[in-house]
N, C-alpha and C. Protein backbone atom coordinates (compact mmCIF):
# COMPACT_ATOMS: atom_id res chain seq x y z
N MET A 1 90.29 20.50 36.14
CA MET A 1 91.01 21.57 36.83
C MET A 1 91.29 22.73 35.87
N ILE A 2 91.17 23.95 36.38
CA ILE A 2 91.39 25.13 35.55
C ILE A 2 92.54 25.95 36.15
N PRO A 3 93.55 26.30 35.34
CA PRO A 3 94.64 27.14 35.84
C PRO A 3 94.18 28.59 35.99
N VAL A 4 94.42 29.17 37.16
CA VAL A 4 94.04 30.55 37.43
C VAL A 4 95.31 31.37 37.66
N LYS A 5 95.40 32.50 36.99
CA LYS A 5 96.56 33.38 37.12
C LYS A 5 96.11 34.75 37.60
N ILE A 6 96.75 35.24 38.64
CA ILE A 6 96.35 36.52 39.26
C ILE A 6 97.57 37.41 39.45
N GLN A 7 97.37 38.71 39.24
CA GLN A 7 98.40 39.68 39.60
C GLN A 7 97.82 40.60 40.65
N CYS A 8 98.44 40.59 41.84
CA CYS A 8 97.96 41.42 42.96
C CYS A 8 98.32 42.88 42.72
N ASP A 9 97.63 43.76 43.42
CA ASP A 9 97.92 45.20 43.33
C ASP A 9 99.34 45.52 43.79
N CYS A 10 99.93 44.63 44.61
CA CYS A 10 101.30 44.86 45.09
C CYS A 10 102.34 44.49 44.04
N GLY A 11 101.87 43.88 42.92
CA GLY A 11 102.79 43.49 41.85
C GLY A 11 103.11 42.01 41.83
N GLN A 12 102.74 41.28 42.88
CA GLN A 12 103.03 39.84 42.96
C GLN A 12 102.11 39.06 42.01
N ARG A 13 102.71 38.16 41.26
CA ARG A 13 101.93 37.27 40.40
C ARG A 13 101.92 35.87 40.98
N TYR A 14 100.79 35.22 40.97
CA TYR A 14 100.72 33.85 41.46
C TYR A 14 99.65 33.08 40.69
N ALA A 15 99.80 31.76 40.66
CA ALA A 15 98.90 30.92 39.89
C ALA A 15 98.62 29.62 40.63
N PHE A 16 97.49 29.00 40.33
CA PHE A 16 97.12 27.73 40.95
C PHE A 16 96.03 27.08 40.10
N ASP A 17 95.83 25.78 40.30
CA ASP A 17 94.79 25.03 39.59
C ASP A 17 93.63 24.75 40.54
N ILE A 18 92.40 24.98 40.09
CA ILE A 18 91.23 24.72 40.93
C ILE A 18 90.12 24.10 40.09
N GLU A 19 89.15 23.51 40.79
CA GLU A 19 87.93 22.99 40.17
C GLU A 19 86.80 23.92 40.60
N PRO A 20 86.31 24.81 39.72
CA PRO A 20 85.29 25.79 40.11
C PRO A 20 84.01 25.12 40.62
N VAL A 21 83.32 25.81 41.51
CA VAL A 21 82.02 25.37 42.01
C VAL A 21 81.01 26.42 41.58
N ASN A 22 80.07 26.01 40.71
CA ASN A 22 79.09 26.96 40.16
C ASN A 22 79.79 28.11 39.45
N GLY A 23 80.95 27.83 38.86
CA GLY A 23 81.66 28.83 38.08
C GLY A 23 82.49 29.79 38.90
N ILE A 24 82.60 29.59 40.22
CA ILE A 24 83.41 30.49 41.05
C ILE A 24 84.36 29.68 41.93
N MET A 25 85.18 30.39 42.68
CA MET A 25 86.15 29.75 43.55
C MET A 25 85.46 28.91 44.63
N PRO A 26 86.01 27.73 44.96
CA PRO A 26 85.44 26.90 46.02
C PRO A 26 85.83 27.38 47.41
N GLY A 27 86.74 28.34 47.50
CA GLY A 27 87.20 28.85 48.79
C GLY A 27 88.05 30.09 48.58
N PRO A 28 88.45 30.73 49.65
CA PRO A 28 89.23 31.96 49.54
C PRO A 28 90.66 31.70 49.12
N VAL A 29 91.30 32.72 48.57
CA VAL A 29 92.73 32.67 48.20
C VAL A 29 93.32 34.04 48.48
N ALA A 30 94.60 34.06 48.84
CA ALA A 30 95.24 35.33 49.19
C ALA A 30 96.60 35.44 48.52
N CYS A 31 97.06 36.67 48.35
CA CYS A 31 98.38 36.93 47.75
C CYS A 31 99.46 36.36 48.67
N PRO A 32 100.39 35.58 48.13
CA PRO A 32 101.45 35.00 48.97
C PRO A 32 102.47 36.04 49.44
N SER A 33 102.43 37.24 48.83
CA SER A 33 103.41 38.26 49.21
C SER A 33 102.88 39.21 50.29
N CYS A 34 101.68 39.79 50.05
CA CYS A 34 101.15 40.77 50.99
C CYS A 34 99.92 40.28 51.75
N GLY A 35 99.35 39.14 51.35
CA GLY A 35 98.21 38.59 52.07
C GLY A 35 96.86 39.16 51.65
N THR A 36 96.84 40.01 50.62
CA THR A 36 95.58 40.60 50.17
C THR A 36 94.66 39.51 49.60
N ASN A 37 93.37 39.58 49.95
CA ASN A 37 92.40 38.59 49.46
C ASN A 37 92.28 38.70 47.94
N GLY A 38 92.51 37.60 47.26
CA GLY A 38 92.44 37.60 45.80
C GLY A 38 91.27 36.82 45.25
N THR A 39 90.28 36.49 46.13
CA THR A 39 89.15 35.68 45.70
C THR A 39 88.33 36.37 44.61
N ALA A 40 88.07 37.67 44.78
CA ALA A 40 87.27 38.40 43.79
C ALA A 40 87.97 38.42 42.44
N ALA A 41 89.29 38.65 42.46
CA ALA A 41 90.06 38.67 41.21
C ALA A 41 90.04 37.30 40.55
N ALA A 42 90.12 36.25 41.36
CA ALA A 42 90.08 34.88 40.82
C ALA A 42 88.71 34.59 40.20
N ASN A 43 87.63 35.03 40.86
CA ASN A 43 86.29 34.84 40.32
C ASN A 43 86.12 35.57 38.98
N GLU A 44 86.68 36.78 38.92
CA GLU A 44 86.59 37.55 37.68
C GLU A 44 87.36 36.84 36.56
N TYR A 45 88.52 36.28 36.90
CA TYR A 45 89.31 35.54 35.93
C TYR A 45 88.54 34.32 35.42
N LEU A 46 87.89 33.62 36.35
CA LEU A 46 87.10 32.44 35.97
C LEU A 46 85.94 32.81 35.07
N SER A 47 85.30 33.95 35.37
CA SER A 47 84.14 34.35 34.58
C SER A 47 84.53 34.61 33.12
N LYS A 48 85.75 35.14 32.93
CA LYS A 48 86.21 35.43 31.57
C LYS A 48 86.50 34.15 30.81
N ILE A 49 87.00 33.14 31.56
CA ILE A 49 87.34 31.88 30.89
C ILE A 49 86.10 31.02 30.66
N LEU A 50 85.20 30.97 31.63
CA LEU A 50 84.07 30.07 31.57
C LEU A 50 82.88 30.63 30.79
N ALA A 51 82.75 31.95 30.69
CA ALA A 51 81.58 32.54 30.05
C ALA A 51 81.38 32.04 28.62
N PRO A 52 82.42 32.01 27.75
CA PRO A 52 82.20 31.52 26.37
C PRO A 52 81.81 30.05 26.34
N VAL A 53 82.31 29.28 27.31
CA VAL A 53 82.04 27.85 27.32
C VAL A 53 80.62 27.55 27.77
N THR A 54 80.13 28.30 28.76
CA THR A 54 78.82 28.02 29.34
C THR A 54 77.67 28.67 28.58
N ALA A 55 78.00 29.58 27.64
CA ALA A 55 76.94 30.29 26.91
C ALA A 55 76.23 29.36 25.96
N ALA A 56 74.90 29.51 25.82
CA ALA A 56 74.12 28.68 24.90
C ALA A 56 74.37 29.17 23.48
N PRO A 57 74.16 28.32 22.46
CA PRO A 57 74.36 28.72 21.05
C PRO A 57 73.47 29.90 20.69
N ASP A 58 74.08 30.86 19.97
CA ASP A 58 73.35 32.03 19.47
C ASP A 58 72.73 32.86 20.58
N VAL A 59 73.22 32.71 21.79
CA VAL A 59 72.72 33.51 22.91
C VAL A 59 73.88 34.30 23.48
N GLU A 60 73.61 35.52 23.83
CA GLU A 60 74.67 36.35 24.39
C GLU A 60 75.26 35.67 25.63
N PRO A 61 76.58 35.59 25.75
CA PRO A 61 77.20 34.91 26.89
C PRO A 61 76.71 35.47 28.21
N VAL A 62 76.48 34.58 29.14
CA VAL A 62 76.04 34.97 30.48
C VAL A 62 77.27 35.18 31.35
N HIS A 63 77.41 36.34 31.91
CA HIS A 63 78.54 36.64 32.78
C HIS A 63 78.23 36.17 34.19
N LEU A 64 79.08 35.30 34.69
CA LEU A 64 78.85 34.74 36.03
C LEU A 64 79.11 35.78 37.10
N ALA A 65 78.41 35.65 38.20
CA ALA A 65 78.56 36.60 39.31
C ALA A 65 79.94 36.48 39.92
N THR A 66 80.48 37.62 40.30
CA THR A 66 81.79 37.62 40.97
C THR A 66 81.67 37.98 42.44
N GLY A 67 80.46 37.89 42.95
CA GLY A 67 80.22 38.24 44.35
C GLY A 67 80.65 37.14 45.28
N PRO A 68 80.20 37.21 46.54
CA PRO A 68 80.58 36.20 47.55
C PRO A 68 80.10 34.82 47.16
N PRO A 69 80.76 33.76 47.61
CA PRO A 69 80.35 32.39 47.30
C PRO A 69 78.95 32.11 47.82
N THR A 70 78.25 31.16 47.19
CA THR A 70 76.92 30.79 47.64
C THR A 70 76.99 30.07 48.97
N ALA A 71 75.82 29.77 49.53
CA ALA A 71 75.77 29.11 50.83
C ALA A 71 76.47 27.76 50.78
N THR A 72 76.35 27.05 49.63
CA THR A 72 76.99 25.73 49.51
C THR A 72 78.49 25.86 49.58
N VAL A 73 79.04 26.86 48.87
CA VAL A 73 80.49 27.06 48.88
C VAL A 73 80.96 27.50 50.25
N ALA A 74 80.17 28.26 50.97
CA ALA A 74 80.56 28.79 52.26
C ALA A 74 80.82 27.69 53.27
N LYS A 75 80.31 26.47 52.99
CA LYS A 75 80.54 25.37 53.91
C LYS A 75 81.96 24.84 53.87
N VAL A 76 82.74 25.25 52.84
CA VAL A 76 84.12 24.79 52.74
C VAL A 76 84.94 25.38 53.88
N ASP A 77 85.70 24.56 54.55
CA ASP A 77 86.54 25.01 55.67
C ASP A 77 87.66 25.87 55.12
N SER A 78 87.71 27.16 55.53
CA SER A 78 88.73 28.06 55.00
C SER A 78 90.14 27.61 55.35
N ARG A 79 90.34 26.88 56.45
CA ARG A 79 91.67 26.41 56.82
C ARG A 79 92.17 25.36 55.83
N ARG A 80 91.24 24.67 55.16
CA ARG A 80 91.66 23.60 54.26
C ARG A 80 91.87 24.11 52.84
N GLY A 81 91.44 25.37 52.58
CA GLY A 81 91.74 26.01 51.32
C GLY A 81 91.33 25.20 50.11
N LEU A 82 92.20 25.17 49.08
CA LEU A 82 91.89 24.51 47.84
C LEU A 82 92.29 23.05 47.84
N VAL A 83 93.08 22.63 48.79
CA VAL A 83 93.49 21.23 48.89
C VAL A 83 93.36 20.78 50.33
N ASP A 84 93.50 19.50 50.55
CA ASP A 84 93.44 18.95 51.90
C ASP A 84 94.56 19.51 52.75
N LEU A 85 94.24 19.95 53.97
CA LEU A 85 95.23 20.56 54.85
C LEU A 85 96.36 19.60 55.19
N ASP A 86 96.02 18.33 55.40
CA ASP A 86 97.06 17.34 55.71
C ASP A 86 98.05 17.19 54.56
N LYS A 87 97.51 17.19 53.34
CA LYS A 87 98.37 17.07 52.17
C LYS A 87 99.27 18.30 52.03
N ALA A 88 98.67 19.49 52.25
CA ALA A 88 99.46 20.72 52.16
C ALA A 88 100.57 20.74 53.21
N GLU A 89 100.26 20.24 54.43
CA GLU A 89 101.27 20.21 55.49
C GLU A 89 102.42 19.26 55.13
N LYS A 90 102.08 18.10 54.54
CA LYS A 90 103.12 17.14 54.15
C LYS A 90 104.03 17.74 53.07
N GLU A 91 103.41 18.44 52.11
CA GLU A 91 104.20 19.05 51.05
C GLU A 91 105.08 20.17 51.61
N ALA A 92 104.53 20.94 52.56
CA ALA A 92 105.30 22.02 53.17
C ALA A 92 106.46 21.46 53.99
N ARG A 93 106.22 20.35 54.71
CA ARG A 93 107.29 19.72 55.50
C ARG A 93 108.42 19.25 54.58
N ALA A 94 108.05 18.68 53.44
CA ALA A 94 109.07 18.23 52.49
C ALA A 94 109.90 19.41 51.99
N LYS A 95 109.24 20.54 51.73
CA LYS A 95 109.97 21.72 51.26
C LYS A 95 110.93 22.22 52.33
N ILE A 96 110.48 22.23 53.59
CA ILE A 96 111.35 22.67 54.69
C ILE A 96 112.56 21.76 54.80
N MET A 97 112.35 20.44 54.73
CA MET A 97 113.45 19.49 54.86
C MET A 97 114.42 19.58 53.68
N TRP A 98 113.93 20.04 52.54
CA TRP A 98 114.80 20.20 51.38
C TRP A 98 115.56 21.52 51.41
N GLY A 99 115.23 22.38 52.38
CA GLY A 99 116.00 23.61 52.54
C GLY A 99 115.29 24.89 52.17
N ASP A 100 114.00 24.85 51.83
CA ASP A 100 113.27 26.08 51.55
C ASP A 100 113.17 26.92 52.82
N SER A 101 113.14 28.23 52.66
CA SER A 101 113.05 29.13 53.80
C SER A 101 111.63 29.18 54.35
N VAL A 102 111.48 29.73 55.56
CA VAL A 102 110.15 29.89 56.16
C VAL A 102 109.28 30.77 55.27
N GLU A 103 109.88 31.82 54.69
CA GLU A 103 109.12 32.73 53.84
C GLU A 103 108.60 32.01 52.60
N GLN A 104 109.44 31.15 52.00
CA GLN A 104 109.01 30.42 50.80
C GLN A 104 107.88 29.44 51.12
N VAL A 105 107.99 28.76 52.25
CA VAL A 105 106.95 27.81 52.63
C VAL A 105 105.67 28.53 53.01
N THR A 106 105.78 29.70 53.64
CA THR A 106 104.61 30.50 53.97
C THR A 106 103.86 30.89 52.70
N ALA A 107 104.59 31.33 51.69
CA ALA A 107 103.97 31.70 50.41
C ALA A 107 103.29 30.49 49.78
N PHE A 108 103.93 29.33 49.85
CA PHE A 108 103.34 28.10 49.29
C PHE A 108 102.02 27.76 49.98
N LEU A 109 101.99 27.84 51.31
CA LEU A 109 100.78 27.51 52.06
C LEU A 109 99.67 28.54 51.81
N THR A 110 100.06 29.79 51.59
CA THR A 110 99.07 30.83 51.30
C THR A 110 98.38 30.55 49.97
N ILE A 111 99.16 30.14 48.97
CA ILE A 111 98.58 29.80 47.68
C ILE A 111 97.64 28.59 47.81
N LYS A 112 97.98 27.68 48.73
CA LYS A 112 97.15 26.49 48.93
C LYS A 112 95.83 26.80 49.62
N GLY A 113 95.68 28.03 50.15
CA GLY A 113 94.39 28.41 50.71
C GLY A 113 94.40 28.87 52.16
N LEU A 114 95.51 28.68 52.90
CA LEU A 114 95.56 29.13 54.29
C LEU A 114 95.74 30.64 54.31
N ASN A 115 95.19 31.30 55.35
CA ASN A 115 95.45 32.72 55.45
C ASN A 115 96.89 32.92 55.92
N ARG A 116 97.38 34.15 55.83
CA ARG A 116 98.81 34.40 56.04
C ARG A 116 99.26 34.03 57.46
N SER A 117 98.46 34.36 58.48
CA SER A 117 98.86 34.07 59.86
C SER A 117 98.94 32.56 60.10
N GLU A 118 97.97 31.81 59.57
CA GLU A 118 97.99 30.35 59.71
C GLU A 118 99.18 29.75 58.97
N ALA A 119 99.46 30.29 57.77
CA ALA A 119 100.57 29.78 56.98
C ALA A 119 101.91 30.03 57.69
N MET A 120 102.07 31.22 58.26
CA MET A 120 103.31 31.54 58.98
C MET A 120 103.48 30.65 60.21
N GLU A 121 102.39 30.43 60.93
CA GLU A 121 102.44 29.59 62.14
C GLU A 121 102.85 28.16 61.80
N LEU A 122 102.25 27.61 60.74
CA LEU A 122 102.58 26.24 60.35
C LEU A 122 104.00 26.14 59.81
N ALA A 123 104.42 27.13 59.01
CA ALA A 123 105.78 27.12 58.46
C ALA A 123 106.82 27.19 59.58
N TYR A 124 106.56 28.02 60.60
CA TYR A 124 107.50 28.14 61.71
C TYR A 124 107.56 26.83 62.51
N LYS A 125 106.40 26.19 62.69
CA LYS A 125 106.36 24.91 63.40
C LYS A 125 107.19 23.85 62.66
N LEU A 126 107.06 23.81 61.34
CA LEU A 126 107.82 22.84 60.55
C LEU A 126 109.31 23.17 60.59
N PHE A 127 109.65 24.45 60.61
CA PHE A 127 111.06 24.83 60.71
C PHE A 127 111.65 24.39 62.04
N GLN A 128 110.85 24.47 63.11
CA GLN A 128 111.32 24.01 64.41
C GLN A 128 111.60 22.50 64.38
N GLU A 129 110.78 21.75 63.65
CA GLU A 129 111.02 20.31 63.49
C GLU A 129 112.35 20.09 62.78
N ARG A 130 112.61 20.87 61.74
CA ARG A 130 113.88 20.75 61.00
C ARG A 130 115.05 21.09 61.91
N ALA A 131 114.90 22.16 62.71
CA ALA A 131 115.98 22.57 63.61
C ALA A 131 116.29 21.47 64.63
N ALA A 132 115.25 20.79 65.13
CA ALA A 132 115.46 19.71 66.10
C ALA A 132 116.25 18.56 65.47
N ILE A 133 115.95 18.25 64.21
CA ILE A 133 116.68 17.19 63.51
C ILE A 133 118.14 17.60 63.28
N VAL A 134 118.33 18.87 62.89
CA VAL A 134 119.70 19.37 62.66
C VAL A 134 120.53 19.30 63.94
N ARG A 135 119.92 19.69 65.07
CA ARG A 135 120.65 19.63 66.36
C ARG A 135 120.97 18.18 66.73
N SER A 136 120.01 17.28 66.51
CA SER A 136 120.24 15.87 66.82
C SER A 136 121.40 15.31 65.99
N ASN A 137 121.40 15.65 64.70
CA ASN A 137 122.49 15.21 63.83
C ASN A 137 123.81 15.85 64.26
N GLY A 138 123.74 17.10 64.73
CA GLY A 138 124.95 17.79 65.18
C GLY A 138 125.57 17.11 66.39
N ILE A 139 124.74 16.67 67.33
CA ILE A 139 125.25 15.97 68.53
C ILE A 139 125.96 14.68 68.11
N LYS A 140 125.37 13.96 67.15
CA LYS A 140 125.99 12.72 66.68
C LYS A 140 127.34 13.01 66.02
N LYS A 141 127.43 14.13 65.27
CA LYS A 141 128.69 14.49 64.64
C LYS A 141 129.75 14.84 65.69
N ILE A 142 129.33 15.51 66.76
CA ILE A 142 130.28 15.87 67.82
C ILE A 142 130.87 14.61 68.45
N ILE A 143 130.01 13.66 68.76
CA ILE A 143 130.48 12.41 69.38
C ILE A 143 131.42 11.65 68.44
N ALA A 144 131.02 11.53 67.16
CA ALA A 144 131.86 10.84 66.19
C ALA A 144 133.17 11.59 65.98
N GLY A 145 133.11 12.93 65.95
CA GLY A 145 134.31 13.73 65.74
C GLY A 145 135.31 13.55 66.86
N VAL A 146 134.83 13.52 68.10
CA VAL A 146 135.73 13.33 69.25
C VAL A 146 136.41 11.96 69.15
N ALA A 147 135.64 10.95 68.77
CA ALA A 147 136.21 9.60 68.65
C ALA A 147 137.30 9.56 67.58
N LEU A 148 137.06 10.22 66.45
CA LEU A 148 138.04 10.21 65.36
C LEU A 148 139.28 11.02 65.70
N VAL A 149 139.08 12.12 66.43
CA VAL A 149 140.24 12.94 66.84
C VAL A 149 141.18 12.14 67.74
N CYS A 150 140.63 11.19 68.48
CA CYS A 150 141.45 10.38 69.38
C CYS A 150 142.32 9.36 68.64
N VAL A 151 141.98 9.08 67.37
CA VAL A 151 142.72 8.06 66.61
C VAL A 151 144.21 8.40 66.49
N PRO A 152 144.58 9.60 66.00
CA PRO A 152 146.01 9.90 65.90
C PRO A 152 146.70 9.97 67.25
N ILE A 153 145.97 10.38 68.28
CA ILE A 153 146.57 10.46 69.62
C ILE A 153 146.92 9.07 70.12
N VAL A 154 145.98 8.14 69.96
CA VAL A 154 146.22 6.75 70.37
C VAL A 154 147.34 6.14 69.53
N ALA A 155 147.31 6.41 68.22
CA ALA A 155 148.34 5.86 67.33
C ALA A 155 149.72 6.37 67.71
N TYR A 156 149.81 7.66 68.02
CA TYR A 156 151.10 8.22 68.42
C TYR A 156 151.62 7.54 69.68
N SER A 157 150.73 7.31 70.65
CA SER A 157 151.14 6.67 71.89
C SER A 157 151.67 5.25 71.63
N LEU A 158 150.97 4.53 70.75
CA LEU A 158 151.38 3.16 70.44
C LEU A 158 152.71 3.14 69.69
N PHE A 159 152.85 4.05 68.71
CA PHE A 159 154.10 4.10 67.95
C PHE A 159 155.27 4.52 68.84
N HIS A 160 154.99 5.45 69.73
CA HIS A 160 156.05 5.91 70.63
C HIS A 160 156.50 4.77 71.55
N ALA A 161 155.53 3.98 72.04
CA ALA A 161 155.88 2.85 72.91
C ALA A 161 156.66 1.79 72.13
N ALA A 162 156.34 1.63 70.84
CA ALA A 162 157.03 0.63 70.02
C ALA A 162 158.39 1.12 69.53
N GLY A 163 158.61 2.41 69.62
CA GLY A 163 159.88 2.97 69.18
C GLY A 163 160.00 3.14 67.68
N ARG A 164 158.90 3.11 66.94
CA ARG A 164 158.94 3.28 65.49
C ARG A 164 157.66 3.98 65.04
N PHE A 165 157.79 4.81 63.97
CA PHE A 165 156.66 5.57 63.45
C PHE A 165 156.49 5.31 61.96
N PRO A 166 155.69 4.30 61.59
CA PRO A 166 155.45 4.03 60.17
C PRO A 166 154.75 5.21 59.50
N ILE A 167 155.40 5.75 58.50
CA ILE A 167 154.92 6.99 57.87
C ILE A 167 153.53 6.82 57.26
N ARG A 168 153.31 5.77 56.50
CA ARG A 168 152.03 5.57 55.80
C ARG A 168 150.88 5.48 56.79
N ILE A 169 151.03 4.65 57.80
CA ILE A 169 149.96 4.49 58.79
C ILE A 169 149.76 5.79 59.59
N SER A 170 150.87 6.46 59.89
CA SER A 170 150.77 7.73 60.64
C SER A 170 149.99 8.76 59.85
N MET A 171 150.24 8.87 58.54
CA MET A 171 149.53 9.84 57.72
C MET A 171 148.03 9.52 57.67
N ILE A 172 147.71 8.24 57.58
CA ILE A 172 146.29 7.84 57.57
C ILE A 172 145.62 8.23 58.88
N CYS A 173 146.30 7.97 59.99
CA CYS A 173 145.75 8.31 61.31
C CYS A 173 145.56 9.80 61.47
N TYR A 174 146.52 10.59 60.98
CA TYR A 174 146.41 12.05 61.07
C TYR A 174 145.25 12.55 60.20
N GLY A 175 145.07 11.92 59.02
CA GLY A 175 143.95 12.29 58.16
C GLY A 175 142.61 12.02 58.84
N ILE A 176 142.52 10.89 59.53
CA ILE A 176 141.30 10.56 60.28
C ILE A 176 141.06 11.59 61.37
N GLY A 177 142.13 11.99 62.03
CA GLY A 177 142.01 12.99 63.10
C GLY A 177 141.53 14.33 62.57
N ILE A 178 142.04 14.74 61.39
CA ILE A 178 141.62 16.01 60.79
C ILE A 178 140.14 15.96 60.41
N TYR A 179 139.72 14.83 59.84
CA TYR A 179 138.30 14.68 59.48
C TYR A 179 137.43 14.71 60.74
N GLY A 180 137.94 14.09 61.82
CA GLY A 180 137.21 14.12 63.08
C GLY A 180 137.05 15.53 63.61
N ALA A 181 138.11 16.35 63.46
CA ALA A 181 138.02 17.74 63.91
C ALA A 181 136.99 18.51 63.09
N TYR A 182 136.94 18.22 61.79
CA TYR A 182 135.95 18.86 60.91
C TYR A 182 134.53 18.49 61.35
N MET A 183 134.30 17.20 61.63
CA MET A 183 132.99 16.76 62.08
C MET A 183 132.61 17.40 63.41
N PHE A 184 133.59 17.52 64.29
CA PHE A 184 133.34 18.14 65.60
C PHE A 184 132.89 19.59 65.44
N ILE A 185 133.59 20.34 64.57
CA ILE A 185 133.27 21.76 64.37
C ILE A 185 131.90 21.92 63.72
N THR A 186 131.63 21.13 62.66
CA THR A 186 130.32 21.24 61.99
C THR A 186 129.20 20.80 62.93
N GLY A 187 129.49 19.84 63.81
CA GLY A 187 128.49 19.41 64.78
C GLY A 187 128.16 20.52 65.76
N ILE A 188 129.19 21.21 66.23
CA ILE A 188 128.98 22.35 67.14
C ILE A 188 128.13 23.42 66.45
N MET A 189 128.43 23.72 65.18
CA MET A 189 127.68 24.73 64.44
C MET A 189 126.21 24.32 64.29
N ALA A 190 125.97 23.04 64.04
CA ALA A 190 124.60 22.56 63.87
C ALA A 190 123.80 22.69 65.16
N VAL A 191 124.44 22.44 66.29
CA VAL A 191 123.75 22.53 67.58
C VAL A 191 123.50 23.98 67.97
N VAL A 192 124.51 24.83 67.76
CA VAL A 192 124.40 26.23 68.18
C VAL A 192 123.56 27.05 67.20
N ALA A 193 123.75 26.83 65.90
CA ALA A 193 123.03 27.61 64.88
C ALA A 193 122.46 26.68 63.81
N PRO A 194 121.33 26.03 64.08
CA PRO A 194 120.75 25.09 63.09
C PRO A 194 120.39 25.75 61.78
N LYS A 195 120.17 27.08 61.77
CA LYS A 195 119.84 27.78 60.53
C LYS A 195 121.00 27.74 59.54
N SER A 196 122.22 27.53 60.06
CA SER A 196 123.39 27.52 59.19
C SER A 196 123.44 26.28 58.31
N GLU A 197 122.67 25.26 58.66
CA GLU A 197 122.64 24.02 57.89
C GLU A 197 121.78 24.24 56.64
N GLN A 198 122.42 24.24 55.49
CA GLN A 198 121.72 24.51 54.24
C GLN A 198 121.40 23.21 53.51
N GLY A 199 120.43 23.28 52.61
CA GLY A 199 120.12 22.13 51.77
C GLY A 199 119.27 21.09 52.49
N ALA A 200 119.13 19.93 51.83
CA ALA A 200 118.29 18.87 52.35
C ALA A 200 118.93 18.22 53.57
N ILE A 201 118.09 17.78 54.51
CA ILE A 201 118.58 17.08 55.69
C ILE A 201 117.78 15.79 55.87
N ALA A 202 118.34 14.90 56.65
CA ALA A 202 117.67 13.64 56.95
C ALA A 202 118.12 13.18 58.32
N LYS A 203 117.28 12.39 58.97
CA LYS A 203 117.66 11.85 60.27
C LYS A 203 118.82 10.88 60.07
N GLU A 204 119.88 11.07 60.85
CA GLU A 204 121.05 10.20 60.74
C GLU A 204 121.04 9.15 61.83
């Protein structure tokens, strides 16, 4: 594998590791910021690195062509880019679940070889999966919160019927009720605005 470093005309710098085919890129690559095709720049970078290595002894180094890929390279599926599409999707899903933004995941998929529109579509789809999990977890929090809020109410009724209010137990019950109210509110927020849920998430 050879590390390739590119600076786009827009100022964005990006890097990736590839295994050259006939000394050039095995597939297209684009800037993760503006989407400009960076394949020619990558080929030029490879030619500078590989030319001294591939040159015969005492012979002037042969500069590899930076033109379009050969017919053999053209058979590579552009959607699969530099790595397997399934692998890239799994890595992107993990990033989304850990809290990366749609823009960050789109840039990651672009570097992996997908064009910008495909990367945005896949990143948005994965974000929708995350939002569905957040809403599901939010509903569970609402149900649990309502149950916990009822604890001090039930305790008060029992203590009132008994004619005595044990302070220690009452404080514990009130604390449970406050925590239940917190869970209820955060559950509502998760259902109404799943984007507000930051950081890593998991199915509860």
